[in-house]
């Protein structure tokens, strides 16, 4: 009879204790926003969700209403509305929604941060890897579909990271063989999106597709030009002594993994984490 201890509470605990800094902070922020949203005095979801009619893509101009007959609402502060482009992955409908996304996001975010460093991950996920899918969603939802559906939740990050992993897997293992069928491995996140849409009707199919599309582009290496310059990251790290001051911090130098010691680099022929956003061909899971 297999023991419960053999299932490995120790291994799970060890994994949790080894999570890098940004991944830990994201988990805490998601849970913190959920807890803050329990109160009824201030509608946190209304404040932080991505609502197309509340975000102006052109500064100082209102978005047209859904029927095309003039402005629906004038947003007097574009800067305030623009926070939705990066805040919506942190806001969730309820505790179950938050926990499901945390479980799915944690191993993917942990791998990304371990590979590219904490500062790079911070800059990308509170920058282009969140705002680009958001803007893509706004353009399609508002101007093409003429709708105003709200999206929130970290699942857009989940599918973005799955898209990156799918491209990496495709490079080393192009096809998944099922009987006589050969399914391209890069399509697996796409299939998962439609399964989720069927099993959970309240999810945003378009939002997930936008995240996945950007993930595919990132996996191909095209997004690497949006990463901060390596010299600036190194200057900040050394100037602020982040490696020494912050537990679980991951340096952009791939020879150093925060306070966990030195990582092997024999298979790395140069380059940097900040600019080499293609990564290895190692697969997640079996």
Protein backbone atom coordinates (compact mmCIF):
# COMPACT_ATOMS: atom_id res chain seq x y z
CA UNK A 1 0.00 0.00 0.00
CA UNK A 2 1.60 3.29 -1.00
CA UNK A 3 2.23 5.57 1.89
CA UNK A 4 0.92 9.10 1.99
CA UNK A 5 4.36 10.20 3.04
CA UNK A 6 5.76 8.61 -0.13
CA UNK A 7 3.41 10.85 -2.12
CA UNK A 8 5.68 13.40 -0.95
CA UNK A 9 4.63 16.18 1.14
CA UNK A 10 8.34 16.77 1.60
CA UNK A 11 8.93 17.07 -2.11
CA UNK A 12 6.01 19.47 -2.53
CA UNK A 13 7.21 21.50 0.42
CA UNK A 14 10.73 21.60 -0.95
CA UNK A 15 9.39 22.76 -4.30
CA UNK A 16 7.39 25.56 -2.67
CA UNK A 17 10.38 26.69 -0.62
CA UNK A 18 12.52 26.84 -3.77
CA UNK A 19 10.14 29.02 -5.77
CA UNK A 20 11.91 32.13 -7.08
CA UNK A 21 11.01 35.60 -5.87
CA UNK A 22 8.75 36.98 -8.61
CA UNK A 23 6.69 33.77 -8.73
CA UNK A 24 6.17 33.96 -4.96
CA UNK A 25 5.18 37.60 -5.13
CA UNK A 26 2.65 36.97 -7.93
CA UNK A 27 0.99 34.21 -5.88
CA UNK A 28 0.76 36.48 -2.85
CA UNK A 29 -0.61 39.40 -4.92
CA UNK A 30 -3.28 37.22 -6.54
CA UNK A 31 -4.42 35.91 -3.16
CA UNK A 32 -4.20 39.41 -1.70
CA UNK A 33 -6.40 40.88 -4.42
CA UNK A 34 -8.92 38.09 -3.92
CA UNK A 35 -9.02 38.81 -0.17
CA UNK A 36 -9.35 42.54 -0.83
CA UNK A 37 -12.23 41.88 -3.21
CA UNK A 38 -14.31 40.16 -0.53
CA UNK A 39 -15.41 43.49 0.93
CA UNK A 40 -18.33 45.34 -0.67
CA UNK A 41 -17.26 48.94 -0.08
CA UNK A 42 -15.03 49.14 -3.16
CA UNK A 43 -15.53 47.06 -6.30
CA UNK A 44 -12.01 45.79 -6.91
CA UNK A 45 -12.99 43.77 -9.97
CA UNK A 46 -14.56 46.79 -11.63
CA UNK A 47 -11.39 48.75 -10.89
CA UNK A 48 -8.83 46.24 -12.19
CA UNK A 49 -10.54 44.10 -14.84
CA UNK A 50 -9.91 44.63 -18.55
CA UNK A 51 -13.11 46.32 -19.72
CA UNK A 52 -12.86 47.50 -23.35
CA UNK A 53 -15.16 50.51 -22.89
CA UNK A 54 -13.01 51.73 -19.97
CA UNK A 55 -9.67 51.80 -21.80
CA UNK A 56 -8.82 54.44 -24.40
CA UNK A 57 -6.24 53.34 -26.92
CA UNK A 58 -6.00 56.91 -28.21
CA UNK A 59 -5.10 59.38 -25.48
CA UNK A 60 -7.76 61.97 -24.86
CA UNK A 61 -10.38 60.27 -27.05
CA UNK A 62 -13.35 58.19 -26.07
CA UNK A 63 -13.94 54.83 -27.63
CA UNK A 64 -17.01 54.62 -29.85
CA UNK A 65 -20.04 52.87 -28.47
CA UNK A 66 -20.94 49.38 -29.57
CA UNK A 67 -23.57 50.60 -32.06
CA UNK A 68 -21.21 53.15 -33.62
CA UNK A 69 -23.43 56.16 -32.79
CA UNK A 70 -21.02 58.31 -30.88
CA UNK A 71 -19.08 57.93 -27.62
CA UNK A 72 -20.46 55.74 -24.89
CA UNK A 73 -18.40 57.10 -22.05
CA UNK A 74 -15.72 59.73 -21.66
CA UNK A 75 -12.79 58.59 -19.58
CA UNK A 76 -11.33 61.71 -17.98
CA UNK A 77 -8.07 60.06 -16.97
CA UNK A 78 -6.42 57.83 -19.57
CA UNK A 79 -3.51 57.09 -17.25
CA UNK A 80 -5.85 55.72 -14.62
CA UNK A 81 -7.70 53.59 -17.17
CA UNK A 82 -4.43 52.30 -18.64
CA UNK A 83 -3.62 50.39 -15.45
CA UNK A 84 -6.13 47.78 -16.62
CA UNK A 85 -3.69 46.67 -19.31
CA UNK A 86 -1.50 45.09 -16.62
CA UNK A 87 -3.76 44.66 -13.58
CA UNK A 88 -6.38 42.32 -15.05
CA UNK A 89 -4.33 39.07 -14.67
CA UNK A 90 -4.17 39.70 -10.92
CA UNK A 91 -7.94 40.05 -10.46
CA UNK A 92 -10.15 36.94 -10.17
CA UNK A 93 -13.86 36.25 -9.83
CA UNK A 94 -13.61 34.12 -6.69
CA UNK A 95 -11.27 31.96 -4.65
CA UNK A 96 -11.75 28.89 -6.86
CA UNK A 97 -10.85 30.93 -9.96
CA UNK A 98 -7.74 32.27 -8.23
CA UNK A 99 -6.57 28.87 -6.94
CA UNK A 100 -7.01 27.11 -10.30
CA UNK A 101 -4.98 29.80 -12.04
CA UNK A 102 -2.28 29.74 -9.35
CA UNK A 103 -1.88 25.97 -9.65
CA UNK A 104 -1.60 26.20 -13.45
CA UNK A 105 0.63 29.29 -13.47
CA UNK A 106 3.17 28.45 -10.76
CA UNK A 107 5.31 25.80 -12.53
CA UNK A 108 5.29 27.75 -15.80
CA UNK A 109 6.22 31.07 -14.18
CA UNK A 110 8.83 29.39 -12.00
CA UNK A 111 10.54 27.92 -15.05
CA UNK A 112 10.44 31.23 -16.93
CA UNK A 113 11.90 33.20 -14.01
CA UNK A 114 14.56 30.56 -13.31
CA UNK A 115 15.67 30.79 -16.92
CA UNK A 116 15.53 34.54 -17.56
CA UNK A 117 15.96 36.14 -14.14
CA UNK A 118 13.72 38.03 -11.76
CA UNK A 119 14.20 41.53 -13.17
CA UNK A 120 13.60 40.40 -16.75
CA UNK A 121 10.47 38.52 -15.69
CA UNK A 122 9.20 41.54 -13.77
CA UNK A 123 9.79 43.86 -16.72
CA UNK A 124 8.16 41.54 -19.25
CA UNK A 125 5.11 40.45 -17.27
CA UNK A 126 4.31 43.97 -16.12
CA UNK A 127 5.11 45.18 -19.60
CA UNK A 128 4.85 43.71 -23.11
CA UNK A 129 3.88 40.12 -22.20
CA UNK A 130 0.74 41.46 -20.54
CA UNK A 131 -0.02 44.70 -22.38
CA UNK A 132 0.37 43.25 -25.89
CA UNK A 133 -2.24 40.49 -25.37
CA UNK A 134 -4.45 43.08 -23.67
CA UNK A 135 -4.24 45.54 -26.57
CA UNK A 136 -4.80 42.72 -29.05
CA UNK A 137 -7.91 41.70 -27.13
CA UNK A 138 -9.20 45.29 -27.01
CA UNK A 139 -8.77 45.78 -30.75
CA UNK A 140 -10.56 42.56 -31.67
CA UNK A 141 -13.26 42.78 -29.01
CA UNK A 142 -14.07 46.46 -29.37
CA UNK A 143 -13.45 47.34 -32.99
CA UNK A 144 -14.02 44.05 -34.81
CA UNK A 145 -16.59 42.19 -32.72
CA UNK A 146 -18.18 45.42 -31.42
CA UNK A 147 -18.58 43.89 -27.96
CA UNK A 148 -17.62 44.89 -24.43
CA UNK A 149 -16.89 41.65 -22.56
CA UNK A 150 -14.79 41.94 -19.42
CA UNK A 151 -11.78 39.69 -18.90
CA UNK A 152 -9.74 39.01 -15.78
CA UNK A 153 -7.53 36.28 -14.38
CA UNK A 154 -4.02 34.89 -14.76
CA UNK A 155 -5.11 32.28 -17.31
CA UNK A 156 -3.93 34.62 -20.08
CA UNK A 157 -0.40 34.22 -18.62
CA UNK A 158 -0.89 30.47 -18.41
CA UNK A 159 -1.69 30.15 -22.11
CA UNK A 160 1.03 32.61 -23.06
CA UNK A 161 3.63 30.49 -21.27
CA UNK A 162 2.10 27.29 -22.66
CA UNK A 163 2.48 28.77 -26.13
CA UNK A 164 6.17 29.40 -25.51
CA UNK A 165 6.64 25.86 -24.21
CA UNK A 166 4.75 24.40 -27.17
CA UNK A 167 7.08 26.10 -29.64
CA UNK A 168 10.11 24.81 -27.75
CA UNK A 169 8.68 21.31 -27.66
CA UNK A 170 7.89 21.46 -31.37
CA UNK A 171 11.54 22.13 -32.15
CA UNK A 172 12.65 18.90 -30.47
CA UNK A 173 9.51 16.76 -30.88
CA UNK A 174 7.43 18.05 -33.82
CA UNK A 175 4.59 15.54 -33.67
CA UNK A 176 2.46 13.77 -31.13
CA UNK A 177 1.53 10.35 -32.54
CA UNK A 178 -1.96 9.06 -31.73
CA UNK A 179 -2.58 5.89 -33.67
CA UNK A 180 -2.24 6.81 -37.32
CA UNK A 181 -2.56 10.53 -36.64
CA UNK A 182 0.38 12.90 -36.31
CA UNK A 183 -0.62 16.00 -34.36
CA UNK A 184 1.82 18.94 -34.35
CA UNK A 185 2.90 19.53 -30.77
CA UNK A 186 2.56 23.29 -31.14
CA UNK A 187 -1.23 22.83 -31.42
CA UNK A 188 -1.65 21.22 -27.99
CA UNK A 189 -2.30 24.53 -26.12
CA UNK A 190 -4.78 25.46 -28.85
CA UNK A 191 -6.68 22.21 -28.29
CA UNK A 192 -6.57 22.83 -24.55
CA UNK A 193 -8.11 26.28 -25.02
CA UNK A 194 -11.13 24.82 -26.77
CA UNK A 195 -11.47 22.07 -24.14
CA UNK A 196 -11.45 24.73 -21.42
CA UNK A 197 -14.00 26.81 -23.35
CA UNK A 198 -16.34 23.81 -23.54
CA UNK A 199 -15.85 22.62 -19.96
CA UNK A 200 -15.95 26.12 -18.44
CA UNK A 201 -18.33 28.30 -20.52
CA UNK A 202 -17.64 31.46 -18.51
CA UNK A 203 -14.02 31.68 -19.64
CA UNK A 204 -12.85 34.11 -22.30
CA UNK A 205 -11.97 32.19 -25.46
CA UNK A 206 -10.73 35.34 -27.18
CA UNK A 207 -8.59 36.35 -24.20
CA UNK A 208 -6.94 32.94 -24.08
CA UNK A 209 -6.31 33.00 -27.82
CA UNK A 210 -4.67 36.42 -27.57
CA UNK A 211 -2.38 35.20 -24.79
CA UNK A 212 -1.50 32.07 -26.76
CA UNK A 213 -0.77 34.07 -29.92
CA UNK A 214 1.73 36.26 -28.08
CA UNK A 215 3.20 33.14 -26.47
CA UNK A 216 3.80 31.62 -29.89
CA UNK A 217 5.58 34.78 -31.00
CA UNK A 218 7.66 34.81 -27.81
CA UNK A 219 8.57 31.15 -28.31
CA UNK A 220 9.87 31.97 -31.78
CA UNK A 221 12.13 34.62 -30.25
CA UNK A 222 10.50 37.67 -31.83
CA UNK A 223 9.62 39.25 -28.48
CA UNK A 224 13.24 39.29 -27.29
CA UNK A 225 13.69 42.82 -28.60
CA UNK A 226 11.21 44.05 -25.97
CA UNK A 227 13.37 42.79 -23.11
CA UNK A 228 15.28 45.45 -21.12
CA UNK A 229 18.94 45.93 -22.09
CA UNK A 230 21.24 43.55 -20.28
CA UNK A 231 23.59 46.33 -19.22
CA UNK A 232 20.76 48.18 -17.49
CA UNK A 233 19.66 45.06 -15.61
CA UNK A 234 23.20 44.26 -14.54
CA UNK A 235 23.72 47.85 -13.40
CA UNK A 236 20.53 47.73 -11.30
CA UNK A 237 21.44 44.37 -9.81
CA UNK A 238 24.92 45.45 -8.79
CA UNK A 239 23.94 48.96 -7.73
CA UNK A 240 21.14 47.75 -5.47
CA UNK A 241 22.88 44.51 -4.49
CA UNK A 242 19.65 42.63 -5.24
CA UNK A 243 21.29 39.22 -5.20
CA UNK A 244 22.56 39.76 -1.68
CA UNK A 245 19.50 41.50 -0.27
CA UNK A 246 16.58 39.55 -1.69
CA UNK A 247 16.07 35.88 -0.84
CA UNK A 248 15.16 33.69 -3.83
CA UNK A 249 16.17 36.41 -6.25
CA UNK A 250 17.26 35.07 -9.67
CA UNK A 251 20.09 36.95 -11.33
CA UNK A 252 20.06 37.58 -15.07
CA UNK A 253 23.49 35.96 -15.07
CA UNK A 254 22.60 32.36 -15.84
CA UNK A 255 25.63 31.17 -13.92
CA UNK A 256 23.95 32.27 -10.70
CA UNK A 257 20.56 31.23 -9.43
CA UNK A 258 19.84 33.60 -6.57
CA UNK A 259 20.76 32.02 -3.25
CA UNK A 260 20.51 28.50 -4.61
CA UNK A 261 24.05 28.46 -5.95
CA UNK A 262 25.56 27.90 -9.37
CA UNK A 263 23.68 26.42 -12.31
CA UNK A 264 25.43 24.28 -14.93
CA UNK A 265 26.12 26.23 -18.12
CA UNK A 266 28.01 23.73 -20.27
CA UNK A 267 25.21 23.67 -22.85
CA UNK A 268 25.14 27.45 -23.19
CA UNK A 269 27.29 29.00 -25.90
CA UNK A 270 26.95 32.60 -24.89
CA UNK A 271 24.14 35.12 -24.88
CA UNK A 272 22.11 36.42 -21.98
CA UNK A 273 18.83 35.75 -20.29
CA UNK A 274 17.59 39.24 -20.99
CA UNK A 275 17.97 39.02 -24.72
CA UNK A 276 17.75 35.30 -25.46
CA UNK A 277 14.06 34.66 -25.06
CA UNK A 278 13.99 31.42 -26.97
CA UNK A 279 15.31 29.18 -24.22
CA UNK A 280 16.18 25.52 -24.29
CA UNK A 281 14.32 22.67 -25.90
CA UNK A 282 13.75 20.88 -22.60
CA UNK A 283 10.14 19.81 -22.18
CA UNK A 284 7.94 20.29 -19.17
CA UNK A 285 6.64 17.09 -17.66
CA UNK A 286 7.03 13.59 -19.04
